[in-house]
Amino acid sequence: MTSSSGSRPKHLASSPFKQAPEAEVKVFEVDDRVSHDVYGLGKVIRIDSHAVTVDFGSQAIRVTPPFAKLHHL
């Protein structure tokens, strides 16, 4: 059965199944120190409406959401 609103059904506290965690929204600020799974350690140098630009020392990379491989330090 599906609901007409498109939202997930309510999770019952007595359910033996774990509720899916809510997605974490990552917010970055200029000068934040970050770590990227591929490029390593870096520093946020610019933020625009669609991405963040990170300076990794040897290169600056524009990273777009979702920021799955980018982590705050």
N, C-alpha and C. Protein backbone atom coordinates (compact mmCIF):
# COMPACT_ATOMS: atom_id res chain seq x y z
N MET A 1 0.84 -1.16 0.00
CA MET A 1 0.00 0.00 0.00
C MET A 1 0.89 1.24 0.00
N THR A 2 0.57 2.20 -0.82
CA THR A 2 1.33 3.44 -0.87
C THR A 2 0.45 4.61 -0.48
N SER A 3 1.05 5.59 0.13
CA SER A 3 0.28 6.76 0.51
C SER A 3 0.26 7.75 -0.64
N SER A 4 -0.77 8.53 -0.72
CA SER A 4 -0.91 9.48 -1.81
C SER A 4 0.04 10.66 -1.67
N SER A 5 0.52 10.93 -0.46
CA SER A 5 1.41 12.08 -0.27
C SER A 5 2.85 11.77 -0.67
N GLY A 6 3.20 10.49 -0.84
CA GLY A 6 4.54 10.12 -1.27
C GLY A 6 5.54 10.02 -0.14
N SER A 7 5.13 10.25 1.09
CA SER A 7 6.07 10.16 2.20
C SER A 7 6.15 8.73 2.71
N ARG A 8 7.20 8.47 3.50
CA ARG A 8 7.37 7.13 4.06
C ARG A 8 6.35 6.89 5.15
N PRO A 9 5.97 5.62 5.36
CA PRO A 9 5.03 5.33 6.45
C PRO A 9 5.70 5.57 7.80
N LYS A 10 4.88 5.82 8.80
CA LYS A 10 5.38 6.10 10.14
C LYS A 10 6.05 4.87 10.73
N HIS A 11 7.20 5.08 11.36
CA HIS A 11 7.95 4.00 11.99
C HIS A 11 7.40 3.76 13.39
N LEU A 12 7.07 2.53 13.70
CA LEU A 12 6.56 2.20 15.03
C LEU A 12 7.72 1.90 15.97
N ALA A 13 7.64 2.42 17.17
CA ALA A 13 8.70 2.22 18.16
C ALA A 13 8.87 0.75 18.51
N SER A 14 7.82 -0.04 18.40
CA SER A 14 7.88 -1.46 18.74
C SER A 14 8.40 -2.33 17.59
N SER A 15 8.69 -1.73 16.45
CA SER A 15 9.15 -2.48 15.29
C SER A 15 10.55 -3.05 15.53
N PRO A 16 10.81 -4.31 15.11
CA PRO A 16 12.14 -4.88 15.27
C PRO A 16 13.14 -4.36 14.22
N PHE A 17 12.66 -3.62 13.26
CA PHE A 17 13.51 -3.10 12.20
C PHE A 17 13.96 -1.69 12.53
N LYS A 18 15.23 -1.39 12.23
CA LYS A 18 15.75 -0.06 12.51
C LYS A 18 15.17 0.94 11.52
N GLN A 19 14.90 2.13 12.04
CA GLN A 19 14.42 3.20 11.17
C GLN A 19 15.60 3.72 10.37
N ALA A 20 15.38 4.02 9.10
CA ALA A 20 16.44 4.55 8.26
C ALA A 20 16.86 5.91 8.78
N PRO A 21 18.18 6.14 8.90
CA PRO A 21 18.64 7.45 9.40
C PRO A 21 18.32 8.54 8.39
N GLU A 22 18.03 9.73 8.91
CA GLU A 22 17.76 10.85 8.02
C GLU A 22 19.06 11.31 7.39
N ALA A 23 18.99 11.76 6.15
CA ALA A 23 20.18 12.20 5.44
C ALA A 23 20.78 13.43 6.12
N GLU A 24 22.09 13.40 6.30
CA GLU A 24 22.79 14.51 6.92
C GLU A 24 23.08 15.57 5.87
N VAL A 25 22.70 16.79 6.14
CA VAL A 25 22.97 17.89 5.22
C VAL A 25 24.30 18.51 5.61
N LYS A 26 25.26 18.46 4.70
CA LYS A 26 26.58 19.00 4.99
C LYS A 26 26.63 20.46 4.55
N VAL A 27 27.08 21.31 5.46
CA VAL A 27 27.22 22.73 5.18
C VAL A 27 28.69 23.09 5.38
N PHE A 28 29.26 23.73 4.38
CA PHE A 28 30.66 24.12 4.45
C PHE A 28 30.79 25.63 4.46
N GLU A 29 31.82 26.13 5.11
CA GLU A 29 32.13 27.56 5.17
C GLU A 29 33.53 27.76 4.60
N VAL A 30 33.80 28.96 4.12
CA VAL A 30 35.14 29.30 3.64
C VAL A 30 36.13 29.11 4.79
N ASP A 31 37.28 28.57 4.49
CA ASP A 31 38.38 28.27 5.43
C ASP A 31 38.15 27.01 6.25
N ASP A 32 37.09 26.26 6.00
CA ASP A 32 36.91 24.96 6.67
C ASP A 32 37.99 24.00 6.19
N ARG A 33 38.56 23.24 7.12
CA ARG A 33 39.51 22.19 6.77
C ARG A 33 38.69 20.94 6.48
N VAL A 34 39.00 20.27 5.36
CA VAL A 34 38.23 19.10 4.94
C VAL A 34 39.17 17.99 4.50
N SER A 35 38.59 16.82 4.39
CA SER A 35 39.30 15.66 3.87
C SER A 35 38.44 15.05 2.77
N HIS A 36 39.07 14.72 1.65
CA HIS A 36 38.38 14.10 0.52
C HIS A 36 38.94 12.70 0.35
N ASP A 37 38.07 11.74 0.07
CA ASP A 37 38.49 10.35 -0.05
C ASP A 37 39.51 10.12 -1.16
N VAL A 38 39.50 10.94 -2.20
CA VAL A 38 40.43 10.77 -3.32
C VAL A 38 41.59 11.76 -3.26
N TYR A 39 41.30 13.05 -3.00
CA TYR A 39 42.30 14.11 -3.09
C TYR A 39 43.05 14.38 -1.79
N GLY A 40 42.54 13.93 -0.65
CA GLY A 40 43.23 14.11 0.62
C GLY A 40 42.77 15.34 1.38
N LEU A 41 43.72 15.97 2.11
CA LEU A 41 43.40 17.12 2.96
C LEU A 41 43.34 18.40 2.14
N GLY A 42 42.40 19.27 2.51
CA GLY A 42 42.27 20.53 1.79
C GLY A 42 41.57 21.57 2.62
N LYS A 43 41.37 22.74 2.00
CA LYS A 43 40.75 23.88 2.66
C LYS A 43 39.73 24.49 1.69
N VAL A 44 38.52 24.75 2.17
CA VAL A 44 37.48 25.35 1.34
C VAL A 44 37.88 26.79 1.04
N ILE A 45 37.93 27.14 -0.25
CA ILE A 45 38.33 28.50 -0.63
C ILE A 45 37.20 29.30 -1.25
N ARG A 46 36.14 28.61 -1.72
CA ARG A 46 35.03 29.34 -2.32
C ARG A 46 33.77 28.50 -2.25
N ILE A 47 32.64 29.17 -2.06
CA ILE A 47 31.35 28.51 -2.02
C ILE A 47 30.43 29.23 -3.00
N ASP A 48 29.76 28.47 -3.86
CA ASP A 48 28.72 29.06 -4.69
C ASP A 48 27.44 28.24 -4.51
N SER A 49 26.41 28.57 -5.23
CA SER A 49 25.11 27.92 -5.01
C SER A 49 25.09 26.46 -5.42
N HIS A 50 26.05 26.02 -6.24
CA HIS A 50 26.02 24.65 -6.75
C HIS A 50 27.21 23.79 -6.35
N ALA A 51 28.21 24.35 -5.67
CA ALA A 51 29.40 23.57 -5.34
C ALA A 51 30.29 24.32 -4.36
N VAL A 52 31.30 23.61 -3.87
CA VAL A 52 32.36 24.24 -3.08
C VAL A 52 33.68 23.99 -3.80
N THR A 53 34.59 24.95 -3.74
CA THR A 53 35.90 24.79 -4.33
C THR A 53 36.88 24.58 -3.20
N VAL A 54 37.67 23.51 -3.31
CA VAL A 54 38.60 23.13 -2.25
C VAL A 54 40.01 23.16 -2.79
N ASP A 55 40.92 23.82 -2.06
CA ASP A 55 42.34 23.86 -2.40
C ASP A 55 43.03 22.68 -1.72
N PHE A 56 43.56 21.76 -2.52
CA PHE A 56 44.25 20.59 -2.00
C PHE A 56 45.77 20.75 -2.07
N GLY A 57 46.24 21.98 -2.21
CA GLY A 57 47.68 22.24 -2.27
C GLY A 57 48.18 22.26 -3.70
N SER A 58 48.14 21.13 -4.37
CA SER A 58 48.63 21.06 -5.74
C SER A 58 47.56 21.43 -6.77
N GLN A 59 46.31 21.43 -6.35
CA GLN A 59 45.22 21.75 -7.27
C GLN A 59 43.97 22.17 -6.50
N ALA A 60 43.13 22.95 -7.17
CA ALA A 60 41.85 23.35 -6.60
C ALA A 60 40.77 22.58 -7.34
N ILE A 61 39.90 21.91 -6.59
CA ILE A 61 38.86 21.07 -7.17
C ILE A 61 37.50 21.61 -6.76
N ARG A 62 36.59 21.67 -7.72
CA ARG A 62 35.20 22.07 -7.46
C ARG A 62 34.41 20.80 -7.17
N VAL A 63 33.84 20.70 -5.98
CA VAL A 63 33.11 19.51 -5.54
C VAL A 63 31.63 19.87 -5.47
N THR A 64 30.81 19.06 -6.17
CA THR A 64 29.38 19.30 -6.21
C THR A 64 28.64 18.36 -5.25
N PRO A 65 27.46 18.76 -4.78
CA PRO A 65 26.68 17.89 -3.89
C PRO A 65 26.17 16.67 -4.64
N PRO A 66 25.93 15.57 -4.00
CA PRO A 66 26.10 15.36 -2.57
C PRO A 66 27.58 15.21 -2.24
N PHE A 67 27.96 15.69 -1.09
CA PHE A 67 29.36 15.70 -0.69
C PHE A 67 29.73 14.39 0.01
N ALA A 68 29.48 13.26 -0.64
CA ALA A 68 29.68 11.95 -0.02
C ALA A 68 31.14 11.69 0.33
N LYS A 69 32.08 12.19 -0.49
CA LYS A 69 33.49 11.92 -0.25
C LYS A 69 34.21 13.04 0.47
N LEU A 70 33.48 14.10 0.85
CA LEU A 70 34.08 15.26 1.49
C LEU A 70 33.63 15.31 2.93
N HIS A 71 34.59 15.40 3.86
CA HIS A 71 34.29 15.34 5.29
C HIS A 71 34.95 16.50 6.03
N HIS A 72 34.26 17.06 7.01
CA HIS A 72 34.82 18.09 7.87
C HIS A 72 35.91 17.49 8.76
N LEU A 73 36.91 18.28 9.08
CA LEU A 73 37.93 17.86 10.04
C LEU A 73 37.70 18.57 11.36
